[in-house]
Amino acid sequence: GQMKEAASYIKFPPEGVRAAGPGLGNTDYEPVDEAEWVRKSNSETVLIAHVESRKGLLNIEEILQVPEVDIMFVGMFDLTVSLGYPGKFDHPDVLKAMKCLFETAISFGKVPGMWTPSYEIAEYWIKQGVRYFMTVGDIEYIAQGSRNMMKTYPGHGIKNK
């Protein structure tokens, strides 16, 4: 399926079809032992299956049977939308789907992951076996820093209308 094809693009032959070009940015423009570089690159490359829809939920076993998949990451908000409960992270159907995804990932020997806005929420999922978390994305990190910086300028900060 699609995951097997995607996996082939991130590994060098014979494991995949990724093109090689040692001596460029991928080796810090330094000469390398090409055979060792290919072997090491293939062994250190991580493949994350991003599951965020009802279709992904229904096909989770097919996705996770691909040996190259290391992490199964749940796109939380899109999953809630796909299940018909936008933003309702604690809806019973959403929780059931998440538990199914995480349990299936663990049964296939994959690392389960998810987005979480806080440690308080992550703590519950850690007890469920989740081991990979995204907390704040780059855009939110920059926006949060910008808002905090603007607060240092009295009368010139961002005002909510």
N, C-alpha and C. Protein backbone atom coordinates (compact mmCIF):
# COMPACT_ATOMS: atom_id res chain seq x y z
N GLY A 1 0.80 -1.19 0.00
CA GLY A 1 0.00 0.00 0.00
C GLY A 1 0.85 1.26 0.00
N GLN A 2 0.22 2.37 0.31
CA GLN A 2 0.88 3.66 0.31
C GLN A 2 2.03 3.74 1.30
N MET A 3 1.88 3.12 2.48
CA MET A 3 2.93 3.21 3.48
C MET A 3 4.18 2.48 3.03
N LYS A 4 4.02 1.33 2.41
CA LYS A 4 5.17 0.58 1.90
C LYS A 4 5.90 1.40 0.84
N GLU A 5 5.14 2.05 -0.04
CA GLU A 5 5.74 2.90 -1.07
C GLU A 5 6.47 4.07 -0.43
N ALA A 6 5.84 4.73 0.55
CA ALA A 6 6.47 5.86 1.24
C ALA A 6 7.77 5.42 1.91
N ALA A 7 7.75 4.25 2.52
CA ALA A 7 8.94 3.73 3.20
C ALA A 7 10.09 3.55 2.21
N SER A 8 9.79 3.18 0.99
CA SER A 8 10.85 2.95 0.01
C SER A 8 11.58 4.24 -0.34
N TYR A 9 10.92 5.39 -0.20
CA TYR A 9 11.53 6.66 -0.57
C TYR A 9 12.54 7.18 0.46
N ILE A 10 12.55 6.62 1.66
CA ILE A 10 13.45 7.14 2.69
C ILE A 10 14.64 6.23 2.95
N LYS A 11 14.71 5.12 2.24
CA LYS A 11 15.82 4.17 2.42
C LYS A 11 16.58 4.03 1.11
N PHE A 12 17.89 3.88 1.25
CA PHE A 12 18.72 3.62 0.08
C PHE A 12 18.59 2.15 -0.32
N PRO A 13 18.82 1.84 -1.60
CA PRO A 13 18.82 0.43 -2.02
C PRO A 13 19.85 -0.36 -1.20
N PRO A 14 19.60 -1.61 -0.93
CA PRO A 14 18.52 -2.43 -1.47
C PRO A 14 17.22 -2.31 -0.68
N GLU A 15 17.21 -1.58 0.44
CA GLU A 15 16.00 -1.47 1.27
C GLU A 15 14.94 -0.55 0.66
N GLY A 16 15.36 0.38 -0.17
CA GLY A 16 14.42 1.33 -0.76
C GLY A 16 14.93 1.83 -2.09
N VAL A 17 14.40 2.99 -2.52
CA VAL A 17 14.76 3.56 -3.82
C VAL A 17 15.31 4.98 -3.70
N ARG A 18 15.64 5.41 -2.49
CA ARG A 18 16.14 6.77 -2.26
C ARG A 18 17.42 7.00 -3.07
N ALA A 19 17.51 8.16 -3.70
CA ALA A 19 18.72 8.52 -4.44
C ALA A 19 19.80 8.94 -3.47
N ALA A 20 21.04 8.65 -3.82
CA ALA A 20 22.17 8.99 -2.97
C ALA A 20 23.02 10.06 -3.63
N GLY A 21 23.71 10.81 -2.81
CA GLY A 21 24.61 11.85 -3.32
C GLY A 21 25.56 12.25 -2.21
N PRO A 22 26.40 11.31 -1.75
CA PRO A 22 27.30 11.65 -0.65
C PRO A 22 28.28 12.75 -1.05
N GLY A 23 28.75 13.48 -0.05
CA GLY A 23 29.68 14.57 -0.30
C GLY A 23 28.98 15.92 -0.38
N LEU A 24 27.65 15.91 -0.30
CA LEU A 24 26.89 17.17 -0.32
C LEU A 24 26.45 17.50 1.11
N GLY A 25 25.37 18.23 1.25
CA GLY A 25 24.89 18.62 2.58
C GLY A 25 24.55 17.44 3.47
N ASN A 26 24.18 16.33 2.87
CA ASN A 26 23.80 15.16 3.66
C ASN A 26 24.99 14.49 4.34
N THR A 27 26.21 14.88 3.98
CA THR A 27 27.40 14.39 4.68
C THR A 27 28.26 15.57 5.14
N ASP A 28 27.64 16.73 5.32
CA ASP A 28 28.34 17.95 5.70
C ASP A 28 29.46 18.30 4.72
N TYR A 29 29.26 17.96 3.45
CA TYR A 29 30.20 18.24 2.37
C TYR A 29 31.57 17.61 2.60
N GLU A 30 31.56 16.52 3.35
CA GLU A 30 32.79 15.80 3.64
C GLU A 30 32.78 14.46 2.90
N PRO A 31 33.96 13.97 2.53
CA PRO A 31 34.01 12.62 1.94
C PRO A 31 33.68 11.58 3.02
N VAL A 32 33.03 10.49 2.60
CA VAL A 32 32.65 9.44 3.53
C VAL A 32 32.93 8.08 2.91
N ASP A 33 32.94 7.07 3.74
CA ASP A 33 32.95 5.70 3.25
C ASP A 33 31.52 5.45 2.79
N GLU A 34 31.30 5.40 1.48
CA GLU A 34 29.95 5.36 0.93
C GLU A 34 29.14 4.17 1.42
N ALA A 35 29.74 2.98 1.47
CA ALA A 35 29.01 1.79 1.91
C ALA A 35 28.57 1.93 3.36
N GLU A 36 29.45 2.44 4.21
CA GLU A 36 29.12 2.63 5.62
C GLU A 36 28.07 3.73 5.78
N TRP A 37 28.17 4.78 4.99
CA TRP A 37 27.21 5.88 5.06
C TRP A 37 25.81 5.40 4.68
N VAL A 38 25.70 4.59 3.62
CA VAL A 38 24.41 4.04 3.21
C VAL A 38 23.86 3.14 4.31
N ARG A 39 24.67 2.24 4.84
CA ARG A 39 24.23 1.33 5.89
C ARG A 39 23.76 2.10 7.12
N LYS A 40 24.57 3.07 7.56
CA LYS A 40 24.24 3.85 8.75
C LYS A 40 22.98 4.69 8.52
N SER A 41 22.88 5.32 7.36
CA SER A 41 21.70 6.14 7.05
C SER A 41 20.43 5.30 7.08
N ASN A 42 20.49 4.11 6.47
CA ASN A 42 19.31 3.25 6.48
C ASN A 42 18.94 2.82 7.89
N SER A 43 19.93 2.56 8.74
CA SER A 43 19.62 2.10 10.09
C SER A 43 19.16 3.23 11.00
N GLU A 44 19.52 4.48 10.70
CA GLU A 44 19.17 5.60 11.57
C GLU A 44 17.97 6.41 11.12
N THR A 45 17.45 6.13 9.93
CA THR A 45 16.29 6.87 9.43
C THR A 45 15.03 6.39 10.12
N VAL A 46 14.23 7.33 10.59
CA VAL A 46 13.00 7.01 11.32
C VAL A 46 11.80 7.33 10.43
N LEU A 47 10.86 6.40 10.37
CA LEU A 47 9.63 6.61 9.60
C LEU A 47 8.45 6.72 10.57
N ILE A 48 7.75 7.85 10.49
CA ILE A 48 6.58 8.10 11.33
C ILE A 48 5.33 8.01 10.47
N ALA A 49 4.44 7.10 10.81
CA ALA A 49 3.15 6.99 10.14
C ALA A 49 2.19 7.95 10.84
N HIS A 50 1.76 8.98 10.13
CA HIS A 50 0.88 10.01 10.69
C HIS A 50 -0.56 9.60 10.38
N VAL A 51 -1.28 9.18 11.40
CA VAL A 51 -2.65 8.69 11.24
C VAL A 51 -3.60 9.74 11.81
N GLU A 52 -4.53 10.21 10.97
CA GLU A 52 -5.39 11.30 11.44
C GLU A 52 -6.80 11.24 10.85
N SER A 53 -7.21 10.06 10.43
CA SER A 53 -8.53 9.97 9.81
C SER A 53 -9.18 8.63 10.13
N ARG A 54 -10.49 8.58 9.87
CA ARG A 54 -11.23 7.34 10.02
C ARG A 54 -10.64 6.27 9.09
N LYS A 55 -10.24 6.68 7.89
CA LYS A 55 -9.63 5.74 6.95
C LYS A 55 -8.33 5.16 7.53
N GLY A 56 -7.53 6.00 8.15
CA GLY A 56 -6.29 5.52 8.79
C GLY A 56 -6.60 4.56 9.92
N LEU A 57 -7.62 4.89 10.69
CA LEU A 57 -8.05 4.03 11.80
C LEU A 57 -8.47 2.66 11.27
N LEU A 58 -9.24 2.65 10.19
CA LEU A 58 -9.73 1.39 9.62
C LEU A 58 -8.62 0.57 8.98
N ASN A 59 -7.53 1.22 8.59
CA ASN A 59 -6.43 0.53 7.92
C ASN A 59 -5.16 0.47 8.76
N ILE A 60 -5.30 0.64 10.07
CA ILE A 60 -4.13 0.75 10.92
C ILE A 60 -3.25 -0.50 10.88
N GLU A 61 -3.82 -1.67 10.81
CA GLU A 61 -2.99 -2.88 10.78
C GLU A 61 -2.17 -2.96 9.50
N GLU A 62 -2.76 -2.60 8.37
CA GLU A 62 -2.02 -2.59 7.10
C GLU A 62 -0.87 -1.59 7.16
N ILE A 63 -1.13 -0.43 7.77
CA ILE A 63 -0.10 0.61 7.89
C ILE A 63 1.04 0.12 8.78
N LEU A 64 0.70 -0.46 9.92
CA LEU A 64 1.72 -0.84 10.90
C LEU A 64 2.46 -2.13 10.57
N GLN A 65 1.96 -2.91 9.63
CA GLN A 65 2.68 -4.13 9.27
C GLN A 65 3.91 -3.83 8.42
N VAL A 66 4.05 -2.58 7.95
CA VAL A 66 5.23 -2.19 7.18
C VAL A 66 6.42 -2.13 8.15
N PRO A 67 7.42 -2.97 7.95
CA PRO A 67 8.53 -3.06 8.92
C PRO A 67 9.28 -1.75 9.13
N GLU A 68 9.34 -0.90 8.11
CA GLU A 68 10.10 0.35 8.23
C GLU A 68 9.43 1.38 9.12
N VAL A 69 8.14 1.22 9.42
CA VAL A 69 7.44 2.18 10.29
C VAL A 69 7.97 2.01 11.71
N ASP A 70 8.44 3.12 12.28
CA ASP A 70 8.98 3.11 13.64
C ASP A 70 7.99 3.68 14.66
N ILE A 71 7.28 4.74 14.25
CA ILE A 71 6.38 5.47 15.15
C ILE A 71 5.03 5.62 14.48
N MET A 72 3.94 5.46 15.25
CA MET A 72 2.59 5.72 14.76
C MET A 72 2.12 6.96 15.52
N PHE A 73 2.00 8.07 14.79
CA PHE A 73 1.64 9.36 15.39
C PHE A 73 0.20 9.71 15.04
N VAL A 74 -0.60 10.03 16.06
CA VAL A 74 -2.00 10.39 15.84
C VAL A 74 -2.12 11.91 15.70
N GLY A 75 -2.64 12.34 14.55
CA GLY A 75 -2.97 13.75 14.34
C GLY A 75 -4.31 14.02 15.01
N MET A 76 -4.23 14.51 16.23
CA MET A 76 -5.40 14.59 17.10
C MET A 76 -6.56 15.41 16.54
N PHE A 77 -6.31 16.64 16.14
CA PHE A 77 -7.44 17.47 15.73
C PHE A 77 -8.10 16.90 14.48
N ASP A 78 -7.30 16.54 13.49
CA ASP A 78 -7.89 15.99 12.27
C ASP A 78 -8.63 14.70 12.54
N LEU A 79 -8.15 13.91 13.49
CA LEU A 79 -8.88 12.69 13.85
C LEU A 79 -10.26 13.05 14.40
N THR A 80 -10.33 14.06 15.27
CA THR A 80 -11.64 14.45 15.82
C THR A 80 -12.58 14.93 14.72
N VAL A 81 -12.03 15.65 13.74
CA VAL A 81 -12.84 16.13 12.61
C VAL A 81 -13.34 14.95 11.79
N SER A 82 -12.43 14.04 11.48
CA SER A 82 -12.79 12.88 10.66
C SER A 82 -13.84 12.00 11.32
N LEU A 83 -13.80 11.93 12.64
CA LEU A 83 -14.78 11.11 13.36
C LEU A 83 -16.10 11.85 13.61
N GLY A 84 -16.16 13.15 13.24
CA GLY A 84 -17.39 13.91 13.37
C GLY A 84 -17.52 14.68 14.68
N TYR A 85 -16.41 14.84 15.41
CA TYR A 85 -16.44 15.54 16.70
C TYR A 85 -15.31 16.57 16.76
N PRO A 86 -15.35 17.60 15.90
CA PRO A 86 -14.25 18.55 15.83
C PRO A 86 -13.86 19.14 17.19
N GLY A 87 -12.60 18.94 17.55
CA GLY A 87 -12.07 19.50 18.79
C GLY A 87 -12.51 18.82 20.06
N LYS A 88 -13.31 17.79 19.97
CA LYS A 88 -13.82 17.09 21.17
C LYS A 88 -12.86 15.94 21.50
N PHE A 89 -11.71 16.28 22.06
CA PHE A 89 -10.67 15.29 22.34
C PHE A 89 -11.09 14.26 23.39
N ASP A 90 -12.06 14.61 24.22
CA ASP A 90 -12.49 13.69 25.27
C ASP A 90 -13.81 12.98 24.95
N HIS A 91 -14.27 13.10 23.69
CA HIS A 91 -15.49 12.40 23.31
C HIS A 91 -15.23 10.89 23.38
N PRO A 92 -16.19 10.10 23.89
CA PRO A 92 -15.98 8.65 24.02
C PRO A 92 -15.54 7.96 22.73
N ASP A 93 -16.10 8.36 21.58
CA ASP A 93 -15.71 7.73 20.31
C ASP A 93 -14.27 8.08 19.93
N VAL A 94 -13.86 9.30 20.24
CA VAL A 94 -12.48 9.72 19.96
C VAL A 94 -11.53 8.97 20.88
N LEU A 95 -11.86 8.89 22.16
CA LEU A 95 -11.01 8.16 23.11
C LEU A 95 -10.90 6.69 22.74
N LYS A 96 -12.00 6.11 22.30
CA LYS A 96 -11.99 4.71 21.89
C LYS A 96 -11.08 4.52 20.67
N ALA A 97 -11.16 5.43 19.71
CA ALA A 97 -10.32 5.35 18.51
C ALA A 97 -8.85 5.49 18.88
N MET A 98 -8.55 6.44 19.76
CA MET A 98 -7.16 6.65 20.17
C MET A 98 -6.61 5.42 20.88
N LYS A 99 -7.39 4.86 21.79
CA LYS A 99 -6.93 3.67 22.51
C LYS A 99 -6.70 2.52 21.54
N CYS A 100 -7.58 2.37 20.56
CA CYS A 100 -7.42 1.33 19.54
C CYS A 100 -6.12 1.55 18.77
N LEU A 101 -5.87 2.78 18.34
CA LEU A 101 -4.65 3.08 17.59
C LEU A 101 -3.41 2.78 18.41
N PHE A 102 -3.40 3.24 19.66
CA PHE A 102 -2.22 3.06 20.50
C PHE A 102 -2.00 1.58 20.84
N GLU A 103 -3.06 0.88 21.17
CA GLU A 103 -2.92 -0.54 21.49
C GLU A 103 -2.43 -1.33 20.27
N THR A 104 -2.93 -0.97 19.10
CA THR A 104 -2.50 -1.65 17.88
C THR A 104 -1.02 -1.35 17.60
N ALA A 105 -0.62 -0.10 17.78
CA ALA A 105 0.79 0.26 17.57
C ALA A 105 1.68 -0.56 18.49
N ILE A 106 1.31 -0.63 19.75
CA ILE A 106 2.11 -1.39 20.72
C ILE A 106 2.16 -2.86 20.33
N SER A 107 1.03 -3.41 19.89
CA SER A 107 1.00 -4.83 19.52
C SER A 107 1.90 -5.12 18.31
N PHE A 108 2.13 -4.13 17.46
CA PHE A 108 3.01 -4.29 16.30
C PHE A 108 4.44 -3.89 16.62
N GLY A 109 4.71 -3.52 17.88
CA GLY A 109 6.06 -3.13 18.27
C GLY A 109 6.46 -1.75 17.81
N LYS A 110 5.48 -0.90 17.53
CA LYS A 110 5.73 0.47 17.09
C LYS A 110 5.56 1.41 18.28
N VAL A 111 6.23 2.55 18.22
CA VAL A 111 6.12 3.56 19.28
C VAL A 111 4.88 4.40 19.00
N PRO A 112 3.93 4.45 19.95
CA PRO A 112 2.76 5.29 19.75
C PRO A 112 3.06 6.74 20.11
N GLY A 113 2.50 7.67 19.32
CA GLY A 113 2.73 9.08 19.58
C GLY A 113 1.51 9.92 19.32
N MET A 114 1.55 11.14 19.83
CA MET A 114 0.42 12.06 19.68
C MET A 114 0.83 13.49 19.98
N TRP A 115 -0.04 14.42 19.60
CA TRP A 115 0.10 15.82 20.00
C TRP A 115 -0.61 15.98 21.33
N THR A 116 -0.05 16.79 22.19
CA THR A 116 -0.72 17.12 23.44
C THR A 116 -0.37 18.55 23.82
N PRO A 117 -1.33 19.31 24.35
CA PRO A 117 -1.05 20.70 24.70
C PRO A 117 -0.35 20.87 26.05
N SER A 118 -0.31 19.80 26.87
CA SER A 118 0.26 19.97 28.21
C SER A 118 0.72 18.63 28.78
N TYR A 119 1.56 18.71 29.78
CA TYR A 119 2.00 17.50 30.45
C TYR A 119 0.85 16.83 31.19
N GLU A 120 -0.06 17.62 31.71
CA GLU A 120 -1.20 17.06 32.45
C GLU A 120 -1.99 16.10 31.57
N ILE A 121 -2.17 16.45 30.31
CA ILE A 121 -2.88 15.57 29.38
C ILE A 121 -1.96 14.41 28.98
N ALA A 122 -0.70 14.70 28.72
CA ALA A 122 0.25 13.65 28.32
C ALA A 122 0.38 12.59 29.40
N GLU A 123 0.30 12.98 30.66
CA GLU A 123 0.49 12.05 31.76
C GLU A 123 -0.48 10.87 31.68
N TYR A 124 -1.73 11.16 31.34
CA TYR A 124 -2.72 10.09 31.19
C TYR A 124 -2.30 9.13 30.09
N TRP A 125 -1.86 9.69 28.94
CA TRP A 125 -1.52 8.87 27.79
C TRP A 125 -0.21 8.12 28.00
N ILE A 126 0.68 8.66 28.79
CA ILE A 126 1.91 7.94 29.13
C ILE A 126 1.54 6.63 29.82
N LYS A 127 0.54 6.69 30.69
CA LYS A 127 0.08 5.47 31.39
C LYS A 127 -0.55 4.47 30.42
N GLN A 128 -0.98 4.94 29.24
CA GLN A 128 -1.57 4.07 28.22
C GLN A 128 -0.50 3.53 27.26
N GLY A 129 0.76 3.92 27.49
CA GLY A 129 1.85 3.41 26.67
C GLY A 129 2.37 4.34 25.60
N VAL A 130 1.83 5.56 25.51
CA VAL A 130 2.30 6.52 24.51
C VAL A 130 3.69 7.00 24.92
N ARG A 131 4.61 7.03 23.95
CA ARG A 131 6.01 7.35 24.25
C ARG A 131 6.58 8.49 23.42
N TYR A 132 5.83 9.00 22.48
CA TYR A 132 6.32 10.06 21.60
C TYR A 132 5.30 11.18 21.60
N PHE A 133 5.74 12.39 21.95
CA PHE A 133 4.81 13.51 22.05
C PHE A 133 5.32 14.73 21.29
N MET A 134 4.39 15.40 20.64
CA MET A 134 4.64 16.73 20.10
C MET A 134 3.83 17.66 20.98
N THR A 135 4.45 18.72 21.45
CA THR A 135 3.72 19.64 22.32
C THR A 135 3.40 20.94 21.59
N VAL A 136 4.39 21.71 21.28
CA VAL A 136 4.18 22.98 20.61
C VAL A 136 4.90 22.93 19.28
N GLY A 137 4.19 23.23 18.22
CA GLY A 137 4.81 23.27 16.90
C GLY A 137 5.61 24.54 16.72
N ASP A 138 6.37 24.61 15.67
CA ASP A 138 7.26 25.75 15.44
C ASP A 138 6.50 27.07 15.32
N ILE A 139 5.37 27.06 14.65
CA ILE A 139 4.62 28.31 14.47
C ILE A 139 4.08 28.79 15.81
N GLU A 140 3.53 27.88 16.63
CA GLU A 140 3.02 28.27 17.94
C GLU A 140 4.15 28.76 18.84
N TYR A 141 5.30 28.12 18.75
CA TYR A 141 6.45 28.51 19.55
C TYR A 141 6.87 29.95 19.21
N ILE A 142 6.91 30.26 17.92
CA ILE A 142 7.28 31.61 17.49
C ILE A 142 6.19 32.61 17.89
N ALA A 143 4.92 32.25 17.69
CA ALA A 143 3.81 33.14 18.05
C ALA A 143 3.79 33.41 19.55
N GLN A 144 4.01 32.37 20.34
CA GLN A 144 4.03 32.53 21.80
C GLN A 144 5.16 33.46 22.22
N GLY A 145 6.33 33.28 21.62
CA GLY A 145 7.46 34.16 21.92
C GLY A 145 7.17 35.59 21.52
N SER A 146 6.52 35.78 20.37
CA SER A 146 6.17 37.12 19.91
C SER A 146 5.17 37.78 20.85
N ARG A 147 4.14 37.01 21.29
CA ARG A 147 3.16 37.57 22.23
C ARG A 147 3.84 37.97 23.54
N ASN A 148 4.72 37.11 24.03
CA ASN A 148 5.42 37.42 25.29
C ASN A 148 6.31 38.65 25.13
N MET A 149 6.97 38.79 24.01
CA MET A 149 7.81 39.95 23.77
C MET A 149 6.98 41.22 23.71
N MET A 150 5.82 41.16 23.04
CA MET A 150 4.95 42.34 22.93
C MET A 150 4.43 42.79 24.29
N LYS A 151 4.28 41.87 25.23
CA LYS A 151 3.82 42.23 26.58
C LYS A 151 4.81 43.12 27.29
N THR A 152 6.07 43.14 26.84
CA THR A 152 7.08 43.99 27.48
C THR A 152 6.98 45.44 27.02
N TYR A 153 6.11 45.72 26.05
CA TYR A 153 5.91 47.07 25.55
C TYR A 153 4.53 47.57 25.98
N PRO A 154 4.43 48.15 27.15
CA PRO A 154 3.12 48.60 27.66
C PRO A 154 2.40 49.50 26.66
N GLY A 155 1.14 49.20 26.47
CA GLY A 155 0.31 50.00 25.57
C GLY A 155 0.49 49.66 24.10
N HIS A 156 1.43 48.75 23.78
CA HIS A 156 1.69 48.43 22.38
C HIS A 156 1.49 46.94 22.09
N GLY A 157 1.00 46.22 23.08
CA GLY A 157 0.82 44.79 22.91
C GLY A 157 -0.39 44.48 22.05
N ILE A 158 -0.61 43.22 21.80
CA ILE A 158 -1.74 42.77 21.01
C ILE A 158 -3.00 42.88 21.86
N LYS A 159 -4.01 43.50 21.30
CA LYS A 159 -5.27 43.66 22.04
C LYS A 159 -6.32 42.75 21.41
N ASN A 160 -7.06 42.06 22.28
CA ASN A 160 -8.16 41.26 21.79
C ASN A 160 -9.41 42.11 21.68
N LYS A 161 -10.13 41.97 20.60
CA LYS A 161 -11.33 42.80 20.39
C LYS A 161 -12.55 42.03 20.83
